[in-house]
């Protein structure tokens, strides 16, 4: 069953369904820990896949926040410029 989680997650990664793939990698990892133990090669492999994805999610969240802040700053400047044009 653990190998099935890995195989399906791997296929989903190639189809760019990264959110679902990451969820299945995590499921496989947790199941591997419970059934095989943390020292088993399959559990270790799944752990190495899950951890980088967590970092990537945090990086993606930071990029989204920065992008949002930049867009807010641009629209604020744009709004200020249009106000100055309206006033004589």
C-alpha atoms as a PDB file:
ATOM      1  CA  UNK A   1       0.000   0.000   0.000  1.00  0.00           C
ATOM      2  CA  UNK A   2       2.850   2.383   0.796  1.00  0.00           C
ATOM      3  CA  UNK A   3       4.376   1.779  -2.618  1.00  0.00           C
ATOM      4  CA  UNK A   4       0.977   2.529  -4.170  1.00  0.00           C
ATOM      5  CA  UNK A   5       0.916   5.926  -2.460  1.00  0.00           C
ATOM      6  CA  UNK A   6       4.372   6.620  -3.853  1.00  0.00           C
ATOM      7  CA  UNK A   7       3.492   5.486  -7.389  1.00  0.00           C
ATOM      8  CA  UNK A   8       0.270   7.486  -7.580  1.00  0.00           C
ATOM      9  CA  UNK A   9       1.941  10.565  -6.089  1.00  0.00           C
ATOM     10  CA  UNK A  10       4.758  10.262  -8.608  1.00  0.00           C
ATOM     11  CA  UNK A  11       2.242  10.084 -11.478  1.00  0.00           C
ATOM     12  CA  UNK A  12       0.369  13.107 -10.129  1.00  0.00           C
ATOM     13  CA  UNK A  13       3.627  15.045  -9.930  1.00  0.00           C
ATOM     14  CA  UNK A  14       4.204  14.420 -13.627  1.00  0.00           C
ATOM     15  CA  UNK A  15       0.649  15.623 -14.306  1.00  0.00           C
ATOM     16  CA  UNK A  16       1.366  18.824 -12.311  1.00  0.00           C
ATOM     17  CA  UNK A  17      -1.185  18.043  -9.591  1.00  0.00           C
ATOM     18  CA  UNK A  18       1.394  18.904  -6.962  1.00  0.00           C
ATOM     19  CA  UNK A  19      -0.998  19.519  -4.094  1.00  0.00           C
ATOM     20  CA  UNK A  20      -2.565  16.062  -4.340  1.00  0.00           C
ATOM     21  CA  UNK A  21       0.820  14.454  -5.003  1.00  0.00           C
ATOM     22  CA  UNK A  22       2.262  16.025  -1.871  1.00  0.00           C
ATOM     23  CA  UNK A  23      -0.714  14.823   0.152  1.00  0.00           C
ATOM     24  CA  UNK A  24      -0.187  11.255  -1.053  1.00  0.00           C
ATOM     25  CA  UNK A  25       3.562  11.380  -0.410  1.00  0.00           C
ATOM     26  CA  UNK A  26       2.763  12.468   3.159  1.00  0.00           C
ATOM     27  CA  UNK A  27       0.197   9.682   3.571  1.00  0.00           C
ATOM     28  CA  UNK A  28       2.752   7.147   2.359  1.00  0.00           C
ATOM     29  CA  UNK A  29       5.380   8.566   4.694  1.00  0.00           C
ATOM     30  CA  UNK A  30       3.128   8.449   7.765  1.00  0.00           C
ATOM     31  CA  UNK A  31       1.972   4.942   6.914  1.00  0.00           C
ATOM     32  CA  UNK A  32       5.580   3.892   6.332  1.00  0.00           C
ATOM     33  CA  UNK A  33       6.583   5.191   9.738  1.00  0.00           C
ATOM     34  CA  UNK A  34       3.733   3.333  11.387  1.00  0.00           C
ATOM     35  CA  UNK A  35       4.106  -0.002   9.594  1.00  0.00           C
ATOM     36  CA  UNK A  36       7.740  -0.201   8.456  1.00  0.00           C
ATOM     37  CA  UNK A  37       9.410   2.065  10.982  1.00  0.00           C
ATOM     38  CA  UNK A  38      11.466   5.207  10.531  1.00  0.00           C
ATOM     39  CA  UNK A  39      14.647   3.299   9.588  1.00  0.00           C
ATOM     40  CA  UNK A  40      13.145   1.486   6.583  1.00  0.00           C
ATOM     41  CA  UNK A  41      14.500   2.597   3.185  1.00  0.00           C
ATOM     42  CA  UNK A  42      11.041   3.327   1.771  1.00  0.00           C
ATOM     43  CA  UNK A  43      10.109   5.489   4.769  1.00  0.00           C
ATOM     44  CA  UNK A  44      13.404   7.366   4.496  1.00  0.00           C
ATOM     45  CA  UNK A  45      12.869   7.940   0.765  1.00  0.00           C
ATOM     46  CA  UNK A  46       9.332   9.289   1.330  1.00  0.00           C
ATOM     47  CA  UNK A  47      10.617  11.520   4.127  1.00  0.00           C
ATOM     48  CA  UNK A  48      13.189  13.037   1.752  1.00  0.00           C
ATOM     49  CA  UNK A  49      10.422  13.790  -0.746  1.00  0.00           C
ATOM     50  CA  UNK A  50       7.993  15.281   1.788  1.00  0.00           C
ATOM     51  CA  UNK A  51      10.435  17.685   3.468  1.00  0.00           C
ATOM     52  CA  UNK A  52      11.530  19.573   0.323  1.00  0.00           C
ATOM     53  CA  UNK A  53       7.877  19.990  -0.637  1.00  0.00           C
ATOM     54  CA  UNK A  54       7.179  21.654   2.717  1.00  0.00           C
ATOM     55  CA  UNK A  55       9.977  24.140   2.071  1.00  0.00           C
ATOM     56  CA  UNK A  56       8.675  24.776  -1.433  1.00  0.00           C
ATOM     57  CA  UNK A  57       5.191  25.490  -0.036  1.00  0.00           C
ATOM     58  CA  UNK A  58       6.654  28.048   2.374  1.00  0.00           C
ATOM     59  CA  UNK A  59       8.669  29.644  -0.439  1.00  0.00           C
ATOM     60  CA  UNK A  60       5.560  29.787  -2.640  1.00  0.00           C
ATOM     61  CA  UNK A  61       3.595  31.429   0.192  1.00  0.00           C
ATOM     62  CA  UNK A  62       6.358  34.034   0.647  1.00  0.00           C
ATOM     63  CA  UNK A  63       6.434  34.773  -3.088  1.00  0.00           C
ATOM     64  CA  UNK A  64       2.651  35.170  -3.162  1.00  0.00           C
ATOM     65  CA  UNK A  65       2.781  37.562  -0.204  1.00  0.00           C
ATOM     66  CA  UNK A  66       5.557  39.649  -1.775  1.00  0.00           C
ATOM     67  CA  UNK A  67       3.711  39.732  -5.097  1.00  0.00           C
ATOM     68  CA  UNK A  68       0.525  40.818  -3.344  1.00  0.00           C
ATOM     69  CA  UNK A  69       2.350  43.584  -1.480  1.00  0.00           C
ATOM     70  CA  UNK A  70       3.957  44.809  -4.705  1.00  0.00           C
ATOM     71  CA  UNK A  71       0.583  44.868  -6.471  1.00  0.00           C
ATOM     72  CA  UNK A  72      -0.931  46.812  -3.573  1.00  0.00           C
ATOM     73  CA  UNK A  73       1.909  49.325  -3.715  1.00  0.00           C
ATOM     74  CA  UNK A  74       1.532  49.733  -7.487  1.00  0.00           C
ATOM     75  CA  UNK A  75      -2.228  50.245  -7.296  1.00  0.00           C
ATOM     76  CA  UNK A  76      -1.767  52.706  -4.444  1.00  0.00           C
ATOM     77  CA  UNK A  77       0.700  54.734  -6.527  1.00  0.00           C
ATOM     78  CA  UNK A  78      -1.614  54.547  -9.514  1.00  0.00           C
ATOM     79  CA  UNK A  79      -4.525  55.764  -7.405  1.00  0.00           C
ATOM     80  CA  UNK A  80      -2.447  58.671  -6.071  1.00  0.00           C
ATOM     81  CA  UNK A  81      -1.420  59.698  -9.598  1.00  0.00           C
ATOM     82  CA  UNK A  82      -5.023  59.665 -10.816  1.00  0.00           C
ATOM     83  CA  UNK A  83      -6.110  61.807  -7.858  1.00  0.00           C
ATOM     84  CA  UNK A  84      -3.521  64.413  -8.762  1.00  0.00           C
ATOM     85  CA  UNK A  85      -4.769  64.529 -12.342  1.00  0.00           C
ATOM     86  CA  UNK A  86      -8.372  65.103 -11.306  1.00  0.00           C
ATOM     87  CA  UNK A  87      -7.590  68.021  -9.023  1.00  0.00           C
ATOM     88  CA  UNK A  88      -6.773  71.320 -10.766  1.00  0.00           C
END
